[in-house]
Amino acid sequence: MKTILPDQSLHIQVRLNYIVSQILDIAQDKIAMIILYGSFARGDWVRDLPNGYHSDTDILIILKKSKYKGHVTLRLKDNIYKRLKKPE
């Protein structure tokens, strides 16, 4: 598993650090691993301003124990989304 970003994706490092810090702040004791996957991990992301398309950031959170499933997992997900949601 790679532990560094491809050169083409280095510009998102600050944003990723922020996202990871917020996730860990909410549930550090429950998280085994946080994985970036998809186009930013591969370095082939797209930013097509004329057509309004921009690649999303794909993050997988692996929990330590299987007991964190069902509504506990949904509660974690909701808390993470609320914390990272941009102000409207």
PDB file of N, CA and C in Angstrom:
ATOM      1  N   MET A   1       0.843  -1.168   0.000  1.00  0.00           N
ATOM      2  CA  MET A   1       0.000   0.000   0.000  1.00  0.00           C
ATOM      3  C   MET A   1       0.897   1.242   0.000  1.00  0.00           C
ATOM      4  N   LYS A   2       0.550   2.189  -0.861  1.00  0.00           N
ATOM      5  CA  LYS A   2       1.312   3.433  -0.928  1.00  0.00           C
ATOM      6  C   LYS A   2       1.006   4.301   0.293  1.00  0.00           C
ATOM      7  N   THR A   3       2.002   5.038   0.713  1.00  0.00           N
ATOM      8  CA  THR A   3       1.794   5.935   1.851  1.00  0.00           C
ATOM      9  C   THR A   3       2.025   7.396   1.480  1.00  0.00           C
ATOM     10  N   ILE A   4       2.278   7.664   0.199  1.00  0.00           N
ATOM     11  CA  ILE A   4       2.447   9.040  -0.261  1.00  0.00           C
ATOM     12  C   ILE A   4       1.519   9.286  -1.445  1.00  0.00           C
ATOM     13  N   LEU A   5       1.182  10.547  -1.651  1.00  0.00           N
ATOM     14  CA  LEU A   5       0.325  10.916  -2.771  1.00  0.00           C
ATOM     15  C   LEU A   5       1.130  10.980  -4.061  1.00  0.00           C
ATOM     16  N   PRO A   6       0.494  10.679  -5.195  1.00  0.00           N
ATOM     17  CA  PRO A   6       1.158  10.919  -6.478  1.00  0.00           C
ATOM     18  C   PRO A   6       1.417  12.420  -6.633  1.00  0.00           C
ATOM     19  N   ASP A   7       2.445  12.782  -7.377  1.00  0.00           N
ATOM     20  CA  ASP A   7       2.778  14.197  -7.566  1.00  0.00           C
ATOM     21  C   ASP A   7       1.580  15.019  -8.040  1.00  0.00           C
ATOM     22  N   GLN A   8       0.752  14.444  -8.910  1.00  0.00           N
ATOM     23  CA  GLN A   8      -0.394  15.165  -9.458  1.00  0.00           C
ATOM     24  C   GLN A   8      -1.447  15.482  -8.398  1.00  0.00           C
ATOM     25  N   SER A   9      -1.393  14.824  -7.265  1.00  0.00           N
ATOM     26  CA  SER A   9      -2.407  15.012  -6.219  1.00  0.00           C
ATOM     27  C   SER A   9      -1.881  15.742  -4.987  1.00  0.00           C
ATOM     28  N   LEU A  10      -0.640  16.175  -5.006  1.00  0.00           N
ATOM     29  CA  LEU A  10      -0.050  16.805  -3.820  1.00  0.00           C
ATOM     30  C   LEU A  10      -0.786  18.068  -3.383  1.00  0.00           C
ATOM     31  N   HIS A  11      -1.456  18.738  -4.313  1.00  0.00           N
ATOM     32  CA  HIS A  11      -2.158  19.977  -3.967  1.00  0.00           C
ATOM     33  C   HIS A  11      -3.306  19.756  -2.980  1.00  0.00           C
ATOM     34  N   ILE A  12      -3.755  18.524  -2.787  1.00  0.00           N
ATOM     35  CA  ILE A  12      -4.846  18.277  -1.833  1.00  0.00           C
ATOM     36  C   ILE A  12      -4.339  17.829  -0.463  1.00  0.00           C
ATOM     37  N   GLN A  13      -3.034  17.812  -0.260  1.00  0.00           N
ATOM     38  CA  GLN A  13      -2.456  17.321   0.992  1.00  0.00           C
ATOM     39  C   GLN A  13      -2.990  18.065   2.214  1.00  0.00           C
ATOM     40  N   VAL A  14      -3.081  19.381   2.136  1.00  0.00           N
ATOM     41  CA  VAL A  14      -3.573  20.166   3.277  1.00  0.00           C
ATOM     42  C   VAL A  14      -5.028  19.809   3.573  1.00  0.00           C
ATOM     43  N   ARG A  15      -5.841  19.696   2.526  1.00  0.00           N
ATOM     44  CA  ARG A  15      -7.252  19.330   2.715  1.00  0.00           C
ATOM     45  C   ARG A  15      -7.374  17.932   3.304  1.00  0.00           C
ATOM     46  N   LEU A  16      -6.573  16.989   2.809  1.00  0.00           N
ATOM     47  CA  LEU A  16      -6.605  15.624   3.341  1.00  0.00           C
ATOM     48  C   LEU A  16      -6.188  15.586   4.805  1.00  0.00           C
ATOM     49  N   ASN A  17      -5.149  16.327   5.143  1.00  0.00           N
ATOM     50  CA  ASN A  17      -4.710  16.382   6.543  1.00  0.00           C
ATOM     51  C   ASN A  17      -5.835  16.890   7.441  1.00  0.00           C
ATOM     52  N   TYR A  18      -6.566  17.897   6.964  1.00  0.00           N
ATOM     53  CA  TYR A  18      -7.685  18.438   7.738  1.00  0.00           C
ATOM     54  C   TYR A  18      -8.782  17.387   7.900  1.00  0.00           C
ATOM     55  N   ILE A  19      -9.144  16.732   6.804  1.00  0.00           N
ATOM     56  CA  ILE A  19     -10.195  15.711   6.849  1.00  0.00           C
ATOM     57  C   ILE A  19      -9.817  14.597   7.818  1.00  0.00           C
ATOM     58  N   VAL A  20      -8.594  14.105   7.707  1.00  0.00           N
ATOM     59  CA  VAL A  20      -8.133  13.019   8.583  1.00  0.00           C
ATOM     60  C   VAL A  20      -8.133  13.468  10.041  1.00  0.00           C
ATOM     61  N   SER A  21      -7.688  14.690  10.306  1.00  0.00           N
ATOM     62  CA  SER A  21      -7.664  15.166  11.696  1.00  0.00           C
ATOM     63  C   SER A  21      -9.072  15.258  12.269  1.00  0.00           C
ATOM     64  N   GLN A  22     -10.039  15.675  11.459  1.00  0.00           N
ATOM     65  CA  GLN A  22     -11.419  15.763  11.929  1.00  0.00           C
ATOM     66  C   GLN A  22     -11.997  14.377  12.198  1.00  0.00           C
ATOM     67  N   ILE A  23     -11.715  13.435  11.310  1.00  0.00           N
ATOM     68  CA  ILE A  23     -12.193  12.061  11.506  1.00  0.00           C
ATOM     69  C   ILE A  23     -11.600  11.473  12.779  1.00  0.00           C
ATOM     70  N   LEU A  24     -10.301  11.643  12.974  1.00  0.00           N
ATOM     71  CA  LEU A  24      -9.648  11.104  14.169  1.00  0.00           C
ATOM     72  C   LEU A  24     -10.145  11.783  15.439  1.00  0.00           C
ATOM     73  N   ASP A  25     -10.464  13.062  15.347  1.00  0.00           N
ATOM     74  CA  ASP A  25     -10.985  13.785  16.504  1.00  0.00           C
ATOM     75  C   ASP A  25     -12.323  13.206  16.955  1.00  0.00           C
ATOM     76  N   ILE A  26     -13.111  12.749  16.008  1.00  0.00           N
ATOM     77  CA  ILE A  26     -14.430  12.193  16.316  1.00  0.00           C
ATOM     78  C   ILE A  26     -14.343  10.759  16.824  1.00  0.00           C
ATOM     79  N   ALA A  27     -13.475   9.946  16.208  1.00  0.00           N
ATOM     80  CA  ALA A  27     -13.543   8.500  16.483  1.00  0.00           C
ATOM     81  C   ALA A  27     -12.192   7.804  16.491  1.00  0.00           C
ATOM     82  N   GLN A  28     -11.162   8.459  16.966  1.00  0.00           N
ATOM     83  CA  GLN A  28      -9.818   7.878  16.925  1.00  0.00           C
ATOM     84  C   GLN A  28      -9.752   6.495  17.565  1.00  0.00           C
ATOM     85  N   ASP A  29     -10.448   6.299  18.655  1.00  0.00           N
ATOM     86  CA  ASP A  29     -10.380   5.018  19.364  1.00  0.00           C
ATOM     87  C   ASP A  29     -11.060   3.878  18.604  1.00  0.00           C
ATOM     88  N   LYS A  30     -11.860   4.197  17.605  1.00  0.00           N
ATOM     89  CA  LYS A  30     -12.589   3.177  16.855  1.00  0.00           C
ATOM     90  C   LYS A  30     -11.981   2.879  15.481  1.00  0.00           C
ATOM     91  N   ILE A  31     -11.020   3.687  15.042  1.00  0.00           N
ATOM     92  CA  ILE A  31     -10.510   3.599  13.671  1.00  0.00           C
ATOM     93  C   ILE A  31      -9.195   2.832  13.603  1.00  0.00           C
ATOM     94  N   ALA A  32      -9.155   1.854  12.707  1.00  0.00           N
ATOM     95  CA  ALA A  32      -7.928   1.095  12.464  1.00  0.00           C
ATOM     96  C   ALA A  32      -7.112   1.732  11.347  1.00  0.00           C
ATOM     97  N   MET A  33      -7.796   2.242  10.311  1.00  0.00           N
ATOM     98  CA  MET A  33      -7.082   2.752   9.149  1.00  0.00           C
ATOM     99  C   MET A  33      -7.976   3.708   8.361  1.00  0.00           C
ATOM    100  N   ILE A  34      -7.365   4.715   7.760  1.00  0.00           N
ATOM    101  CA  ILE A  34      -8.060   5.619   6.843  1.00  0.00           C
ATOM    102  C   ILE A  34      -7.331   5.525   5.509  1.00  0.00           C
ATOM    103  N   ILE A  35      -8.086   5.221   4.445  1.00  0.00           N
ATOM    104  CA  ILE A  35      -7.479   4.965   3.136  1.00  0.00           C
ATOM    105  C   ILE A  35      -8.054   5.925   2.102  1.00  0.00           C
ATOM    106  N   LEU A  36      -7.173   6.589   1.366  1.00  0.00           N
ATOM    107  CA  LEU A  36      -7.568   7.371   0.201  1.00  0.00           C
ATOM    108  C   LEU A  36      -7.529   6.437  -0.994  1.00  0.00           C
ATOM    109  N   TYR A  37      -8.610   6.393  -1.757  1.00  0.00           N
ATOM    110  CA  TYR A  37      -8.632   5.563  -2.960  1.00  0.00           C
ATOM    111  C   TYR A  37      -9.267   6.369  -4.090  1.00  0.00           C
ATOM    112  N   GLY A  38      -9.289   5.824  -5.265  1.00  0.00           N
ATOM    113  CA  GLY A  38      -9.906   6.510  -6.393  1.00  0.00           C
ATOM    114  C   GLY A  38      -8.924   7.389  -7.141  1.00  0.00           C
ATOM    115  N   SER A  39      -9.471   8.368  -7.848  1.00  0.00           N
ATOM    116  CA  SER A  39      -8.667   9.161  -8.783  1.00  0.00           C
ATOM    117  C   SER A  39      -7.565   9.981  -8.111  1.00  0.00           C
ATOM    118  N   PHE A  40      -7.806  10.524  -6.914  1.00  0.00           N
ATOM    119  CA  PHE A  40      -6.741  11.285  -6.250  1.00  0.00           C
ATOM    120  C   PHE A  40      -5.612  10.363  -5.789  1.00  0.00           C
ATOM    121  N   ALA A  41      -5.935   9.155  -5.386  1.00  0.00           N
ATOM    122  CA  ALA A  41      -4.902   8.190  -4.983  1.00  0.00           C
ATOM    123  C   ALA A  41      -4.083   7.737  -6.188  1.00  0.00           C
ATOM    124  N   ARG A  42      -4.736   7.608  -7.338  1.00  0.00           N
ATOM    125  CA  ARG A  42      -4.038   7.189  -8.560  1.00  0.00           C
ATOM    126  C   ARG A  42      -3.317   8.338  -9.242  1.00  0.00           C
ATOM    127  N   GLY A  43      -3.761   9.564  -8.977  1.00  0.00           N
ATOM    128  CA  GLY A  43      -3.166  10.724  -9.632  1.00  0.00           C
ATOM    129  C   GLY A  43      -3.806  11.057 -10.965  1.00  0.00           C
ATOM    130  N   ASP A  44      -4.994  10.516 -11.246  1.00  0.00           N
ATOM    131  CA  ASP A  44      -5.653  10.807 -12.524  1.00  0.00           C
ATOM    132  C   ASP A  44      -6.990  11.539 -12.332  1.00  0.00           C
ATOM    133  N   TRP A  45      -7.056  12.374 -11.305  1.00  0.00           N
ATOM    134  CA  TRP A  45      -8.252  13.153 -11.016  1.00  0.00           C
ATOM    135  C   TRP A  45      -8.522  14.131 -12.156  1.00  0.00           C
ATOM    136  N   VAL A  46      -9.769  14.621 -12.190  1.00  0.00           N
ATOM    137  CA  VAL A  46     -10.195  15.517 -13.263  1.00  0.00           C
ATOM    138  C   VAL A  46     -10.782  16.788 -12.667  1.00  0.00           C
ATOM    139  N   ARG A  47     -10.411  17.899 -13.252  1.00  0.00           N
ATOM    140  CA  ARG A  47     -11.043  19.179 -12.914  1.00  0.00           C
ATOM    141  C   ARG A  47     -11.412  19.840 -14.238  1.00  0.00           C
ATOM    142  N   ASP A  48     -12.635  19.652 -14.649  1.00  0.00           N
ATOM    143  CA  ASP A  48     -13.130  20.135 -15.931  1.00  0.00           C
ATOM    144  C   ASP A  48     -14.084  21.297 -15.668  1.00  0.00           C
ATOM    145  N   LEU A  49     -13.520  22.486 -15.489  1.00  0.00           N
ATOM    146  CA  LEU A  49     -14.332  23.648 -15.132  1.00  0.00           C
ATOM    147  C   LEU A  49     -15.389  24.001 -16.176  1.00  0.00           C
ATOM    148  N   PRO A  50     -15.069  23.971 -17.483  1.00  0.00           N
ATOM    149  CA  PRO A  50     -16.102  24.330 -18.470  1.00  0.00           C
ATOM    150  C   PRO A  50     -17.356  23.455 -18.379  1.00  0.00           C
ATOM    151  N   ASN A  51     -17.181  22.189 -18.049  1.00  0.00           N
ATOM    152  CA  ASN A  51     -18.323  21.281 -17.956  1.00  0.00           C
ATOM    153  C   ASN A  51     -18.811  21.074 -16.526  1.00  0.00           C
ATOM    154  N   GLY A  52     -18.168  21.724 -15.567  1.00  0.00           N
ATOM    155  CA  GLY A  52     -18.612  21.658 -14.180  1.00  0.00           C
ATOM    156  C   GLY A  52     -18.327  20.348 -13.473  1.00  0.00           C
ATOM    157  N   TYR A  53     -17.331  19.605 -13.937  1.00  0.00           N
ATOM    158  CA  TYR A  53     -17.025  18.324 -13.296  1.00  0.00           C
ATOM    159  C   TYR A  53     -15.711  18.414 -12.536  1.00  0.00           C
ATOM    160  N   HIS A  54     -15.705  17.864 -11.342  1.00  0.00           N
ATOM    161  CA  HIS A  54     -14.489  17.792 -10.537  1.00  0.00           C
ATOM    162  C   HIS A  54     -14.522  16.455  -9.808  1.00  0.00           C
ATOM    163  N   SER A  55     -13.425  15.725  -9.863  1.00  0.00           N
ATOM    164  CA  SER A  55     -13.353  14.437  -9.167  1.00  0.00           C
ATOM    165  C   SER A  55     -13.613  14.625  -7.677  1.00  0.00           C
ATOM    166  N   ASP A  56     -14.296  13.664  -7.090  1.00  0.00           N
ATOM    167  CA  ASP A  56     -14.528  13.713  -5.651  1.00  0.00           C
ATOM    168  C   ASP A  56     -13.353  13.066  -4.923  1.00  0.00           C
ATOM    169  N   THR A  57     -13.355  13.197  -3.608  1.00  0.00           N
ATOM    170  CA  THR A  57     -12.309  12.614  -2.780  1.00  0.00           C
ATOM    171  C   THR A  57     -12.874  11.360  -2.127  1.00  0.00           C
ATOM    172  N   ASP A  58     -12.304  10.210  -2.473  1.00  0.00           N
ATOM    173  CA  ASP A  58     -12.799   8.925  -1.970  1.00  0.00           C
ATOM    174  C   ASP A  58     -11.971   8.487  -0.769  1.00  0.00           C
ATOM    175  N   ILE A  59     -12.636   8.342   0.370  1.00  0.00           N
ATOM    176  CA  ILE A  59     -11.958   7.956   1.608  1.00  0.00           C
ATOM    177  C   ILE A  59     -12.678   6.756   2.216  1.00  0.00           C
ATOM    178  N   LEU A  60     -11.906   5.740   2.564  1.00  0.00           N
ATOM    179  CA  LEU A  60     -12.437   4.540   3.212  1.00  0.00           C
ATOM    180  C   LEU A  60     -11.938   4.521   4.652  1.00  0.00           C
ATOM    181  N   ILE A  61     -12.853   4.333   5.588  1.00  0.00           N
ATOM    182  CA  ILE A  61     -12.497   4.263   7.003  1.00  0.00           C
ATOM    183  C   ILE A  61     -12.712   2.830   7.471  1.00  0.00           C
ATOM    184  N   ILE A  62     -11.641   2.195   7.946  1.00  0.00           N
ATOM    185  CA  ILE A  62     -11.705   0.831   8.464  1.00  0.00           C
ATOM    186  C   ILE A  62     -11.790   0.913   9.986  1.00  0.00           C
ATOM    187  N   LEU A  63     -12.826   0.316  10.540  1.00  0.00           N
ATOM    188  CA  LEU A  63     -13.006   0.324  11.990  1.00  0.00           C
ATOM    189  C   LEU A  63     -12.275  -0.849  12.634  1.00  0.00           C
ATOM    190  N   LYS A  64     -11.877  -0.673  13.886  1.00  0.00           N
ATOM    191  CA  LYS A  64     -11.101  -1.692  14.599  1.00  0.00           C
ATOM    192  C   LYS A  64     -11.890  -2.959  14.876  1.00  0.00           C
ATOM    193  N   LYS A  65     -13.138  -2.828  15.274  1.00  0.00           N
ATOM    194  CA  LYS A  65     -13.899  -3.996  15.722  1.00  0.00           C
ATOM    195  C   LYS A  65     -15.215  -4.094  14.978  1.00  0.00           C
ATOM    196  N   SER A  66     -15.639  -5.323  14.762  1.00  0.00           N
ATOM    197  CA  SER A  66     -16.908  -5.529  14.063  1.00  0.00           C
ATOM    198  C   SER A  66     -18.108  -5.100  14.903  1.00  0.00           C
ATOM    199  N   LYS A  67     -17.889  -4.883  16.193  1.00  0.00           N
ATOM    200  CA  LYS A  67     -19.014  -4.447  17.033  1.00  0.00           C
ATOM    201  C   LYS A  67     -19.473  -3.039  16.662  1.00  0.00           C
ATOM    202  N   TYR A  68     -18.617  -2.284  15.949  1.00  0.00           N
ATOM    203  CA  TYR A  68     -18.992  -0.947  15.497  1.00  0.00           C
ATOM    204  C   TYR A  68     -19.710  -1.064  14.157  1.00  0.00           C
ATOM    205  N   LYS A  69     -20.891  -1.611  14.181  1.00  0.00           N
ATOM    206  CA  LYS A  69     -21.662  -1.727  12.951  1.00  0.00           C
ATOM    207  C   LYS A  69     -23.091  -1.311  13.225  1.00  0.00           C
ATOM    208  N   GLY A  70     -23.879  -1.300  12.199  1.00  0.00           N
ATOM    209  CA  GLY A  70     -25.260  -0.897  12.365  1.00  0.00           C
ATOM    210  C   GLY A  70     -25.396   0.568  12.700  1.00  0.00           C
ATOM    211  N   HIS A  71     -26.225   0.876  13.682  1.00  0.00           N
ATOM    212  CA  HIS A  71     -26.508   2.279  13.970  1.00  0.00           C
ATOM    213  C   HIS A  71     -25.307   3.009  14.562  1.00  0.00           C
ATOM    214  N   VAL A  72     -24.382   2.303  15.197  1.00  0.00           N
ATOM    215  CA  VAL A  72     -23.164   2.953  15.710  1.00  0.00           C
ATOM    216  C   VAL A  72     -22.341   3.492  14.546  1.00  0.00           C
ATOM    217  N   THR A  73     -22.198   2.688  13.490  1.00  0.00           N
ATOM    218  CA  THR A  73     -21.457   3.118  12.305  1.00  0.00           C
ATOM    219  C   THR A  73     -22.163   4.286  11.632  1.00  0.00           C
ATOM    220  N   LEU A  74     -23.472   4.224  11.527  1.00  0.00           N
ATOM    221  CA  LEU A  74     -24.218   5.325  10.921  1.00  0.00           C
ATOM    222  C   LEU A  74     -24.067   6.603  11.730  1.00  0.00           C
ATOM    223  N   ARG A  75     -24.039   6.482  13.049  1.00  0.00           N
ATOM    224  CA  ARG A  75     -23.851   7.657  13.899  1.00  0.00           C
ATOM    225  C   ARG A  75     -22.467   8.265  13.673  1.00  0.00           C
ATOM    226  N   LEU A  76     -21.444   7.421  13.560  1.00  0.00           N
ATOM    227  CA  LEU A  76     -20.099   7.920  13.255  1.00  0.00           C
ATOM    228  C   LEU A  76     -20.091   8.636  11.912  1.00  0.00           C
ATOM    229  N   LYS A  77     -20.705   8.007  10.913  1.00  0.00           N
ATOM    230  CA  LYS A  77     -20.768   8.600   9.576  1.00  0.00           C
ATOM    231  C   LYS A  77     -21.462   9.957   9.624  1.00  0.00           C
ATOM    232  N   ASP A  78     -22.594  10.042  10.304  1.00  0.00           N
ATOM    233  CA  ASP A  78     -23.321  11.308  10.413  1.00  0.00           C
ATOM    234  C   ASP A  78     -22.475  12.376  11.094  1.00  0.00           C
ATOM    235  N   ASN A  79     -21.788  12.015  12.166  1.00  0.00           N
ATOM    236  CA  ASN A  79     -20.940  12.979  12.880  1.00  0.00           C
ATOM    237  C   ASN A  79     -19.798  13.478  12.004  1.00  0.00           C
ATOM    238  N   ILE A  80     -19.204  12.582  11.231  1.00  0.00           N
ATOM    239  CA  ILE A  80     -18.114  12.977  10.331  1.00  0.00           C
ATOM    240  C   ILE A  80     -18.645  13.909   9.249  1.00  0.00           C
ATOM    241  N   TYR A  81     -19.768  13.553   8.634  1.00  0.00           N
ATOM    242  CA  TYR A  81     -20.354  14.411   7.597  1.00  0.00           C
ATOM    243  C   TYR A  81     -20.701  15.788   8.140  1.00  0.00           C
ATOM    244  N   LYS A  82     -21.294  15.843   9.327  1.00  0.00           N
ATOM    245  CA  LYS A  82     -21.649  17.136   9.920  1.00  0.00           C
ATOM    246  C   LYS A  82     -20.412  17.989  10.159  1.00  0.00           C
ATOM    247  N   ARG A  83     -19.352  17.361  10.641  1.00  0.00           N
ATOM    248  CA  ARG A  83     -18.124  18.093  10.945  1.00  0.00           C
ATOM    249  C   ARG A  83     -17.473  18.643   9.678  1.00  0.00           C
ATOM    250  N   LEU A  84     -17.540  17.880   8.595  1.00  0.00           N
ATOM    251  CA  LEU A  84     -16.847  18.265   7.362  1.00  0.00           C
ATOM    252  C   LEU A  84     -17.719  19.034   6.380  1.00  0.00           C
ATOM    253  N   LYS A  85     -19.003  19.130   6.666  1.00  0.00           N
ATOM    254  CA  LYS A  85     -19.915  19.806   5.738  1.00  0.00           C
ATOM    255  C   LYS A  85     -19.549  21.279   5.617  1.00  0.00           C
ATOM    256  N   LYS A  86     -19.509  21.732   4.365  1.00  0.00           N
ATOM    257  CA  LYS A  86     -19.213  23.141   4.125  1.00  0.00           C
ATOM    258  C   LYS A  86     -20.420  23.983   4.529  1.00  0.00           C
ATOM    259  N   PRO A  87     -20.175  25.162   5.101  1.00  0.00           N
ATOM    260  CA  PRO A  87     -21.295  26.048   5.444  1.00  0.00           C
ATOM    261  C   PRO A  87     -22.039  26.452   4.174  1.00  0.00           C
ATOM    262  N   GLU A  88     -23.354  26.497   4.274  1.00  0.00           N
ATOM    263  CA  GLU A  88     -24.161  26.857   3.095  1.00  0.00           C
ATOM    264  C   GLU A  88     -24.335  28.340   2.971  1.00  0.00           C
TER     265      GLU A  88
END
